Amino acid sequence: MTIYFTPNDHLIRYVYQEMSEEESIEFEEMLRKDDDLMQDYLGFLSTIDQINGLILEPSDKVVASIKEKAKTSGLQKV
């Protein structure tokens, strides 16, 4: 059975291990044969590493706004 891939969709599914074993094997073969696809794959992994390294926190303005809204809404003290 031949499976045709849309590379970007399948890159995501491959990286997040959402493919069947058969699909993974076929996709790995495509990665070995297609240098552009391999570069996309490596770029995708790099992007994921950068995103995972981010520390996201709300700004002081957002926290103050939430606290103010809580005060005026009759919600419990924050």
Protein backbone atom coordinates (compact mmCIF):
# COMPACT_ATOMS: atom_id res chain seq x y z
CA MET A 1 0.00 0.00 0.00
CA THR A 2 1.41 3.38 -1.00
CA ILE A 3 0.70 6.32 1.27
CA TYR A 4 1.11 9.83 -0.10
CA PHE A 5 2.26 12.47 2.34
CA THR A 6 1.69 16.18 2.70
CA PRO A 7 5.08 16.91 4.28
CA ASN A 8 4.19 19.67 6.78
CA ASP A 9 1.24 17.79 8.22
CA HIS A 10 3.24 14.61 8.44
CA LEU A 11 6.27 16.34 9.95
CA ILE A 12 4.08 17.42 12.84
CA ARG A 13 2.52 13.98 13.21
CA TYR A 14 5.95 12.31 13.04
CA VAL A 15 7.58 14.59 15.62
CA TYR A 16 4.69 14.16 18.04
CA GLN A 17 4.64 10.38 17.44
CA GLU A 18 1.10 10.37 16.09
CA MET A 19 1.85 8.01 13.18
CA SER A 20 1.39 4.30 13.02
CA GLU A 21 4.57 2.25 12.90
CA GLU A 22 4.09 1.68 9.17
CA GLU A 23 3.62 5.40 8.49
CA SER A 24 6.70 6.24 10.55
CA ILE A 25 8.84 3.79 8.61
CA GLU A 26 7.65 5.21 5.28
CA PHE A 27 8.16 8.77 6.46
CA GLU A 28 11.69 8.00 7.71
CA GLU A 29 12.48 6.64 4.25
CA MET A 30 11.23 9.91 2.75
CA LEU A 31 13.45 11.85 5.15
CA ARG A 32 16.49 9.84 4.03
CA LYS A 33 15.75 10.48 0.35
CA ASP A 34 14.63 14.13 0.44
CA ASP A 35 17.21 16.66 1.66
CA ASP A 36 14.68 19.52 1.67
CA LEU A 37 12.27 17.51 3.80
CA MET A 38 15.12 16.63 6.18
CA GLN A 39 16.03 20.32 6.50
CA ASP A 40 12.39 21.14 7.25
CA TYR A 41 12.38 18.39 9.88
CA LEU A 42 15.55 19.66 11.55
CA GLY A 43 14.21 23.21 11.46
CA PHE A 44 10.98 22.04 13.03
CA LEU A 45 12.88 20.31 15.85
CA SER A 46 14.93 23.46 16.43
CA THR A 47 11.78 25.57 16.62
CA ILE A 48 10.21 23.18 19.13
CA ASP A 49 13.36 23.36 21.31
CA GLN A 50 13.23 27.17 21.24
CA ILE A 51 9.52 27.25 22.12
CA ASN A 52 10.00 24.75 24.95
CA GLY A 53 12.76 26.97 26.34
CA LEU A 54 10.52 30.02 26.66
CA ILE A 55 9.35 31.11 30.08
CA LEU A 56 6.06 32.90 29.70
CA GLU A 57 4.64 35.07 32.44
CA PRO A 58 1.87 37.66 32.33
CA SER A 59 2.92 41.29 32.50
CA ASP A 60 2.41 43.28 35.69
CA LYS A 61 -0.28 45.26 33.87
CA VAL A 62 -2.27 42.08 33.12
CA VAL A 63 -1.97 40.82 36.71
CA ALA A 64 -3.08 44.21 38.06
CA SER A 65 -6.03 44.24 35.66
CA ILE A 66 -7.14 40.76 36.77
CA LYS A 67 -6.86 41.74 40.44
CA GLU A 68 -8.87 44.92 39.84
CA LYS A 69 -11.58 42.99 38.01
CA ALA A 70 -11.71 40.46 40.86
CA LYS A 71 -12.21 43.28 43.38
CA THR A 72 -15.08 44.83 41.45
CA SER A 73 -16.73 41.50 40.63
CA GLY A 74 -17.27 40.45 44.21
CA LEU A 75 -14.89 37.51 43.72
CA GLN A 76 -12.65 36.28 46.50
CA LYS A 77 -9.63 38.38 47.36
CA VAL A 78 -6.56 37.60 45.33
